[in-house]
Amino acid sequence: MLEGETILCISLSSWFSLWRSRQQIMSRLCKENRVIFIEPQKSLSISFFKDLKNGLKPLLGIDHVEIQKNLEICYPPFSLPLFGHILNKKVLKVTTPFIVKMNSLILKRYIKKVQKHLKIEKPLLWIYHPFHFELLGAFHEKLTIFYVIDEISWYARNDRISDILEEYDALLCKKADIVFACSNALHIKRKPLNNNTYLIENAADFTHFNKAQDASLKMPEDIKDIRHPIIGFSGCLAWHIDIDLLIEIARTHPEWSLVLVGPDELPKSDSYYHIKSMNNVFFLGEKNIRLLPNYLKSFDVAIMPYDIKTHAIAASTPLKTFEYLAAGKPVVCVKLPLMNELKEIVKFADTPQEFIFHIEGFLKRKSDEVIKQGIEEARKNTWDNRVAKICEHISNALQEQSTA
């Protein structure tokens, strides 16, 4: 059991955004430890003057709020933009290291002020992004933990700086005391760089999502009158979603309702405007995690329509897998190599036609045994279990450090 420590978490996403592994893990660690959650820096490239005004506040003082016992959210100042989508690779090779160093100095200065103000001594430094390797050693930390959630260098928006990100990622892996990787592919790549690399796969808050099995759970107003069968997706609608697959599902079966729950960050394209015009497609927007079981209860089939052409997806084990299964939903997913162990429960597809075929199959045949197997699989893969493993690895590292 890990207790009495202060965890300085430099996050990739806001605490108040779509719930991901960051919130699931930190909300559990803060039960026995103090968590200082540093929100992502806003870039001056977005709404310059607004960000400048907000970004200067933390430079002049400490902008933070305690949202529950042992959990404090801190808002750092702005960061300088990389302009990675504008500059060519040769220029970025020169400018990116400089900008990364400057942003690290801004963040470092702010966090040191947070340390002094909140009386933080010898924290555990928890990092998600390779660009934060410059922070190592700056806060008299006991340990540095690098939590790898994705191949960030493979993101489409990072294609011009992918080699720089790979270099920093490797450097951080070598220097960190512990590396956690959330998929087998991420783990295999980093294990040779650091012996203290451990696989911590994504999981589910089983008790919460299993509420979808409760017959008395109320249907939300914006879904209760949508015609069944409902083919549902819950999560972030962004660059990694195969929008053409979604269109094909809705086009071939106008009698189905395609319901999409989550923030709409899809690239604006002809396909996007097409799907928005379809009568049997419903964009319901982002929902509080407390309400997700209510929405999942309405799904007849839950889908994972990822674009397998995006390399980052191939290295992932999506967070929602066990959430869907805990909710007792039949699941259809594009073929992801890292999820092969679930092939007896989840239906995988290589093509849109096969994807639709599997949805049809679930709708035609009752799948009580598959649902039962899925629930039991989710019961074994909970965030409580994952965090217990995390605590064990950190406690062992602290013990080894104290006896060295």
Foldseek 3Di string as FASTA:
>chain_A
DDAAAEEEEEDPADCPADDDLVVLQVVVHQVGAAYEYEHHAAECVPPNVVLQVVQCVLVVHWDWDAPDRRYIYTYHHHAYDLVLVPDALVVSVPVVVVSLVVRLVRVLVSVVRVCVVVVHAAHEYEYEALSNLVNPPSRNHPFYEYEYAWLVLLDPSNVSPSVVRVVSVLVSLLPGLAYEYAFPLVQVVSCVNYVRYYHQHAAAQLVQLLCLVPPPQAADPVPPPQADPEAEEEDEAEDFADLVLVVVLCVVCVNHAYEYEEAHHYDDDPSVVVLVPRPRYYDPYYDDSNCVSSVLSNHQAYEARTDVVRPGQLRHDDNCQLSNLSSLHAYEYADHPRCVVCVVQHHYDPDSVSSSVVVVVSVVDPDNVSSVVSNVVSVVGHSVVSSVVVSVSVVVSSVVVVVD
